[in-house]
N, C-alpha and C. Protein backbone atom coordinates (compact mmCIF):
# COMPACT_ATOMS: atom_id res chain seq x y z
N MET A 1 3.88 -6.53 -3.65
CA MET A 1 2.50 -6.20 -3.95
C MET A 1 1.86 -7.43 -4.58
N LYS A 2 0.69 -7.78 -4.11
CA LYS A 2 -0.01 -8.95 -4.63
C LYS A 2 -0.67 -8.64 -5.97
N ALA A 3 -0.98 -9.72 -6.69
CA ALA A 3 -1.59 -9.58 -8.02
C ALA A 3 -2.90 -8.80 -7.97
N THR A 4 -3.69 -9.00 -6.92
CA THR A 4 -4.96 -8.28 -6.80
C THR A 4 -4.73 -6.78 -6.73
N LYS A 5 -3.72 -6.37 -5.97
CA LYS A 5 -3.43 -4.94 -5.86
C LYS A 5 -2.95 -4.37 -7.19
N HIS A 6 -2.15 -5.14 -7.92
CA HIS A 6 -1.72 -4.69 -9.25
C HIS A 6 -2.92 -4.55 -10.17
N ALA A 7 -3.84 -5.50 -10.09
CA ALA A 7 -5.04 -5.45 -10.93
C ALA A 7 -5.89 -4.23 -10.60
N LEU A 8 -6.03 -3.92 -9.32
CA LEU A 8 -6.79 -2.73 -8.91
C LEU A 8 -6.11 -1.45 -9.39
N LEU A 9 -4.80 -1.43 -9.32
CA LEU A 9 -4.05 -0.27 -9.82
C LEU A 9 -4.31 -0.08 -11.31
N ALA A 10 -4.22 -1.15 -12.08
CA ALA A 10 -4.46 -1.06 -13.52
C ALA A 10 -5.90 -0.63 -13.81
N LEU A 11 -6.85 -1.19 -13.08
CA LEU A 11 -8.26 -0.84 -13.27
C LEU A 11 -8.49 0.64 -12.94
N ALA A 12 -7.93 1.10 -11.83
CA ALA A 12 -8.12 2.51 -11.44
C ALA A 12 -7.49 3.45 -12.46
N GLU A 13 -6.31 3.10 -12.96
CA GLU A 13 -5.68 3.95 -13.97
C GLU A 13 -6.49 3.96 -15.26
N TRP A 14 -7.03 2.81 -15.64
CA TRP A 14 -7.88 2.74 -16.83
C TRP A 14 -9.15 3.57 -16.65
N LEU A 15 -9.81 3.40 -15.49
CA LEU A 15 -11.03 4.18 -15.22
C LEU A 15 -10.74 5.68 -15.23
N ARG A 16 -9.63 6.05 -14.65
CA ARG A 16 -9.24 7.46 -14.62
C ARG A 16 -9.15 8.02 -16.04
N ALA A 17 -8.52 7.27 -16.93
CA ALA A 17 -8.38 7.72 -18.32
C ALA A 17 -9.74 7.74 -19.02
N GLU A 18 -10.55 6.73 -18.79
CA GLU A 18 -11.86 6.64 -19.44
C GLU A 18 -12.81 7.76 -18.99
N LEU A 19 -12.70 8.14 -17.73
CA LEU A 19 -13.63 9.12 -17.16
C LEU A 19 -13.10 10.55 -17.24
N GLN A 20 -11.97 10.73 -17.87
CA GLN A 20 -11.31 12.05 -17.90
C GLN A 20 -12.21 13.16 -18.45
N GLN A 21 -13.04 12.87 -19.41
CA GLN A 21 -13.90 13.88 -20.03
C GLN A 21 -15.27 13.98 -19.37
N THR A 22 -15.43 13.37 -18.20
CA THR A 22 -16.71 13.41 -17.49
C THR A 22 -16.54 14.17 -16.19
N CYS A 23 -17.62 14.28 -15.44
CA CYS A 23 -17.55 14.95 -14.14
C CYS A 23 -17.20 13.96 -13.02
N MET A 24 -16.90 12.73 -13.37
CA MET A 24 -16.55 11.71 -12.37
C MET A 24 -15.03 11.62 -12.24
N SER A 25 -14.60 11.24 -11.05
CA SER A 25 -13.17 11.05 -10.83
C SER A 25 -12.95 9.72 -10.10
N VAL A 26 -11.72 9.29 -10.12
CA VAL A 26 -11.34 8.04 -9.47
C VAL A 26 -10.14 8.34 -8.58
N SER A 27 -10.11 7.72 -7.42
CA SER A 27 -8.95 7.81 -6.54
C SER A 27 -8.56 6.39 -6.14
N LEU A 28 -7.29 6.22 -5.84
CA LEU A 28 -6.78 4.90 -5.46
C LEU A 28 -6.11 5.01 -4.10
N LEU A 29 -6.74 4.42 -3.10
CA LEU A 29 -6.17 4.38 -1.75
C LEU A 29 -5.07 3.33 -1.75
N MET A 30 -3.88 3.71 -1.30
CA MET A 30 -2.73 2.82 -1.28
C MET A 30 -2.26 2.64 0.16
N PRO A 31 -3.02 1.86 0.94
CA PRO A 31 -2.66 1.72 2.35
C PRO A 31 -1.53 0.72 2.56
N GLY A 32 -0.72 1.04 3.55
CA GLY A 32 0.21 0.06 4.07
C GLY A 32 -0.55 -0.73 5.12
N PRO A 33 0.13 -1.33 6.08
CA PRO A 33 -0.57 -2.10 7.11
C PRO A 33 -1.50 -1.21 7.94
N VAL A 34 -2.71 -1.71 8.16
CA VAL A 34 -3.72 -1.00 8.95
C VAL A 34 -4.13 -1.90 10.10
N LEU A 35 -4.19 -1.34 11.29
CA LEU A 35 -4.55 -2.11 12.48
C LEU A 35 -6.05 -2.37 12.51
N THR A 36 -6.46 -3.41 11.82
CA THR A 36 -7.86 -3.81 11.81
C THR A 36 -8.16 -4.61 13.07
N GLU A 37 -9.43 -4.89 13.31
CA GLU A 37 -9.81 -5.71 14.47
C GLU A 37 -9.16 -7.08 14.38
N SER A 38 -9.09 -7.63 13.19
CA SER A 38 -8.49 -8.94 12.99
C SER A 38 -7.00 -8.94 13.35
N LEU A 39 -6.28 -7.92 12.90
CA LEU A 39 -4.86 -7.83 13.21
C LEU A 39 -4.64 -7.56 14.69
N ALA A 40 -5.46 -6.73 15.29
CA ALA A 40 -5.36 -6.46 16.73
C ALA A 40 -5.58 -7.75 17.52
N SER A 41 -6.54 -8.55 17.09
CA SER A 41 -6.82 -9.83 17.74
C SER A 41 -5.62 -10.77 17.62
N THR A 42 -5.00 -10.78 16.45
CA THR A 42 -3.82 -11.61 16.23
C THR A 42 -2.68 -11.18 17.15
N PHE A 43 -2.46 -9.88 17.27
CA PHE A 43 -1.40 -9.38 18.15
C PHE A 43 -1.69 -9.73 19.61
N LYS A 44 -2.95 -9.68 20.00
CA LYS A 44 -3.32 -10.04 21.37
C LYS A 44 -3.00 -11.51 21.65
N ILE A 45 -3.27 -12.37 20.68
CA ILE A 45 -2.95 -13.80 20.83
C ILE A 45 -1.44 -13.97 20.95
N LEU A 46 -0.68 -13.26 20.12
CA LEU A 46 0.78 -13.37 20.16
C LEU A 46 1.37 -12.84 21.46
N GLU A 47 0.73 -11.86 22.06
CA GLU A 47 1.21 -11.36 23.35
C GLU A 47 1.07 -12.43 24.42
N ALA A 48 0.00 -13.22 24.32
CA ALA A 48 -0.21 -14.31 25.28
C ALA A 48 0.62 -15.54 24.93
N ASP A 49 0.83 -15.77 23.64
CA ASP A 49 1.55 -16.96 23.16
C ASP A 49 2.43 -16.56 21.98
N PRO A 50 3.63 -16.01 22.26
CA PRO A 50 4.50 -15.50 21.19
C PRO A 50 4.92 -16.54 20.15
N GLU A 51 4.85 -17.82 20.50
CA GLU A 51 5.27 -18.87 19.57
C GLU A 51 4.08 -19.61 18.96
N ASN A 52 2.90 -19.03 19.00
CA ASN A 52 1.69 -19.66 18.46
C ASN A 52 1.96 -20.15 17.03
N GLN A 53 1.95 -21.49 16.86
CA GLN A 53 2.33 -22.08 15.57
C GLN A 53 1.40 -21.70 14.44
N GLN A 54 0.11 -21.67 14.71
CA GLN A 54 -0.86 -21.35 13.66
C GLN A 54 -0.61 -19.94 13.11
N ILE A 55 -0.37 -19.00 14.01
CA ILE A 55 -0.12 -17.62 13.57
C ILE A 55 1.27 -17.49 12.96
N ARG A 56 2.26 -18.15 13.54
CA ARG A 56 3.63 -18.05 13.02
C ARG A 56 3.75 -18.64 11.62
N GLN A 57 2.83 -19.52 11.24
CA GLN A 57 2.82 -20.02 9.87
C GLN A 57 2.43 -18.90 8.91
N GLN A 58 1.64 -17.95 9.39
CA GLN A 58 1.20 -16.82 8.56
C GLN A 58 2.26 -15.74 8.44
N PHE A 59 2.88 -15.40 9.58
CA PHE A 59 3.97 -14.44 9.52
C PHE A 59 4.94 -14.61 10.68
N SER A 60 6.21 -14.36 10.34
CA SER A 60 7.31 -14.54 11.28
C SER A 60 7.36 -13.38 12.28
N LYS A 61 8.29 -13.51 13.22
CA LYS A 61 8.51 -12.43 14.18
C LYS A 61 8.99 -11.16 13.47
N GLU A 62 9.78 -11.34 12.42
CA GLU A 62 10.28 -10.19 11.65
C GLU A 62 9.13 -9.45 10.98
N VAL A 63 8.21 -10.21 10.41
CA VAL A 63 7.04 -9.59 9.77
C VAL A 63 6.17 -8.92 10.82
N GLU A 64 6.02 -9.56 11.97
CA GLU A 64 5.24 -8.96 13.06
C GLU A 64 5.85 -7.62 13.47
N THR A 65 7.17 -7.59 13.63
CA THR A 65 7.85 -6.35 14.00
C THR A 65 7.63 -5.27 12.95
N LEU A 66 7.77 -5.64 11.70
CA LEU A 66 7.56 -4.69 10.60
C LEU A 66 6.14 -4.16 10.60
N LEU A 67 5.17 -5.04 10.80
CA LEU A 67 3.77 -4.61 10.85
C LEU A 67 3.55 -3.63 12.00
N ARG A 68 4.07 -3.98 13.17
CA ARG A 68 3.89 -3.11 14.34
C ARG A 68 4.52 -1.73 14.12
N GLU A 69 5.66 -1.70 13.44
CA GLU A 69 6.35 -0.42 13.19
C GLU A 69 5.62 0.44 12.16
N ARG A 70 5.03 -0.21 11.17
CA ARG A 70 4.48 0.53 10.03
C ARG A 70 2.97 0.73 10.05
N MET A 71 2.26 -0.01 10.89
CA MET A 71 0.80 0.06 10.81
C MET A 71 0.25 1.37 11.36
N ILE A 72 -0.91 1.71 10.83
CA ILE A 72 -1.65 2.87 11.30
C ILE A 72 -3.04 2.39 11.71
N SER A 73 -3.74 3.21 12.44
CA SER A 73 -5.09 2.85 12.87
C SER A 73 -6.08 3.00 11.71
N THR A 74 -7.22 2.38 11.85
CA THR A 74 -8.26 2.52 10.82
C THR A 74 -8.71 3.97 10.74
N GLN A 75 -8.73 4.66 11.88
CA GLN A 75 -9.12 6.08 11.88
C GLN A 75 -8.12 6.92 11.10
N GLN A 76 -6.82 6.66 11.30
CA GLN A 76 -5.79 7.40 10.56
C GLN A 76 -5.93 7.14 9.06
N CYS A 77 -6.18 5.89 8.70
CA CYS A 77 -6.33 5.53 7.29
C CYS A 77 -7.52 6.26 6.68
N ALA A 78 -8.64 6.26 7.39
CA ALA A 78 -9.85 6.93 6.90
C ALA A 78 -9.61 8.44 6.77
N GLN A 79 -8.94 9.02 7.76
CA GLN A 79 -8.65 10.46 7.73
C GLN A 79 -7.79 10.82 6.52
N LEU A 80 -6.76 10.02 6.25
CA LEU A 80 -5.89 10.27 5.10
C LEU A 80 -6.65 10.08 3.79
N ALA A 81 -7.53 9.08 3.75
CA ALA A 81 -8.34 8.85 2.55
C ALA A 81 -9.23 10.06 2.27
N LEU A 82 -9.90 10.55 3.29
CA LEU A 82 -10.77 11.71 3.11
C LEU A 82 -9.98 12.95 2.72
N GLN A 83 -8.83 13.13 3.33
CA GLN A 83 -7.97 14.27 3.01
C GLN A 83 -7.55 14.21 1.54
N GLY A 84 -7.15 13.03 1.08
CA GLY A 84 -6.75 12.87 -0.32
C GLY A 84 -7.90 13.10 -1.27
N LEU A 85 -9.09 12.60 -0.91
CA LEU A 85 -10.27 12.80 -1.76
C LEU A 85 -10.62 14.28 -1.86
N LYS A 86 -10.58 14.98 -0.72
CA LYS A 86 -10.90 16.41 -0.71
C LYS A 86 -9.92 17.21 -1.57
N GLN A 87 -8.68 16.75 -1.63
CA GLN A 87 -7.67 17.46 -2.42
C GLN A 87 -7.63 16.99 -3.87
N GLY A 88 -8.52 16.07 -4.22
CA GLY A 88 -8.61 15.60 -5.60
C GLY A 88 -7.46 14.73 -6.06
N LEU A 89 -6.81 14.06 -5.11
CA LEU A 89 -5.68 13.21 -5.47
C LEU A 89 -6.15 11.92 -6.14
N PHE A 90 -5.38 11.45 -7.09
CA PHE A 90 -5.65 10.13 -7.67
C PHE A 90 -5.03 9.07 -6.76
N TYR A 91 -3.72 9.16 -6.55
CA TYR A 91 -3.05 8.24 -5.63
C TYR A 91 -3.15 8.79 -4.22
N ILE A 92 -3.58 7.95 -3.28
CA ILE A 92 -3.67 8.37 -1.88
C ILE A 92 -2.88 7.37 -1.04
N PRO A 93 -1.56 7.61 -0.86
CA PRO A 93 -0.76 6.72 -0.02
C PRO A 93 -1.00 7.06 1.45
N THR A 94 -0.92 6.05 2.29
CA THR A 94 -1.21 6.30 3.71
C THR A 94 0.03 6.32 4.60
N GLN A 95 1.13 5.73 4.16
CA GLN A 95 2.34 5.71 4.97
C GLN A 95 3.52 6.18 4.13
N SER A 96 4.37 6.99 4.74
CA SER A 96 5.47 7.61 3.99
C SER A 96 6.53 6.60 3.54
N TYR A 97 6.65 5.45 4.20
CA TYR A 97 7.67 4.49 3.78
C TYR A 97 7.40 3.98 2.36
N ILE A 98 6.17 4.07 1.90
CA ILE A 98 5.82 3.62 0.56
C ILE A 98 6.62 4.41 -0.47
N LYS A 99 6.93 5.68 -0.16
CA LYS A 99 7.68 6.52 -1.09
C LYS A 99 9.04 5.91 -1.42
N SER A 100 9.73 5.36 -0.44
CA SER A 100 11.04 4.77 -0.73
C SER A 100 10.90 3.55 -1.63
N ASP A 101 9.83 2.78 -1.47
CA ASP A 101 9.58 1.64 -2.36
C ASP A 101 9.36 2.13 -3.79
N ILE A 102 8.58 3.18 -3.93
CA ILE A 102 8.29 3.74 -5.26
C ILE A 102 9.56 4.35 -5.86
N ASP A 103 10.33 5.05 -5.04
CA ASP A 103 11.58 5.66 -5.52
C ASP A 103 12.53 4.60 -6.07
N ARG A 104 12.64 3.45 -5.38
CA ARG A 104 13.52 2.37 -5.85
C ARG A 104 13.08 1.86 -7.22
N ARG A 105 11.77 1.66 -7.38
CA ARG A 105 11.26 1.20 -8.67
C ARG A 105 11.53 2.23 -9.76
N HIS A 106 11.28 3.49 -9.42
CA HIS A 106 11.48 4.56 -10.40
C HIS A 106 12.95 4.62 -10.84
N GLU A 107 13.86 4.53 -9.88
CA GLU A 107 15.29 4.57 -10.21
C GLU A 107 15.68 3.40 -11.11
N GLU A 108 15.14 2.23 -10.83
CA GLU A 108 15.45 1.07 -11.66
C GLU A 108 14.91 1.24 -13.08
N LEU A 109 13.71 1.79 -13.20
CA LEU A 109 13.15 2.07 -14.52
C LEU A 109 13.98 3.10 -15.27
N GLU A 110 14.41 4.15 -14.56
CA GLU A 110 15.25 5.18 -15.18
C GLU A 110 16.54 4.56 -15.73
N ARG A 111 17.17 3.67 -14.93
CA ARG A 111 18.39 3.01 -15.39
C ARG A 111 18.12 2.17 -16.65
N ALA A 112 17.00 1.47 -16.65
CA ALA A 112 16.65 0.63 -17.80
C ALA A 112 16.46 1.48 -19.05
N PHE A 113 15.75 2.60 -18.92
CA PHE A 113 15.57 3.49 -20.07
C PHE A 113 16.91 4.03 -20.55
N PHE A 114 17.76 4.41 -19.62
CA PHE A 114 19.07 4.95 -19.97
C PHE A 114 19.88 3.92 -20.75
N VAL A 115 19.93 2.69 -20.23
CA VAL A 115 20.69 1.62 -20.88
C VAL A 115 20.12 1.32 -22.26
N LEU A 116 18.81 1.22 -22.36
CA LEU A 116 18.19 0.89 -23.64
C LEU A 116 18.31 2.03 -24.64
N ASP A 117 18.19 3.25 -24.18
CA ASP A 117 18.34 4.41 -25.07
C ASP A 117 19.76 4.50 -25.62
N ARG A 118 20.75 4.16 -24.80
CA ARG A 118 22.15 4.22 -25.24
C ARG A 118 22.45 3.12 -26.26
N GLY A 119 21.68 2.04 -26.20
CA GLY A 119 21.91 0.93 -27.12
C GLY A 119 21.36 1.16 -28.50
N GLN A 120 20.57 2.22 -28.67
CA GLN A 120 19.95 2.47 -29.98
C GLN A 120 20.83 3.29 -30.88
């Protein structure tokens, strides 16, 4: 996760707490890869020239494969965002693989708390 995304997460969580006693709410869309026009254009170039050096400097074949496997359309992303908003969700993840990333972090934090609690 890039620093900008971490900053947005912190800002959204802060706003959520600040606005708790008001009629306003905050939601945080957590999209994985989305097939934007720019990404579709990049894939089209790679289909014609799989070894395009300019593009390969940005991402490898492995990253391309991962993007192709995990990406969703802009329509799917918008639909999930609206669904999450209608249900009043704060976190709105768009792809289920994100859960395994979160689970790994949670497990590591749990271990750290366990180790530190035992040391007291």
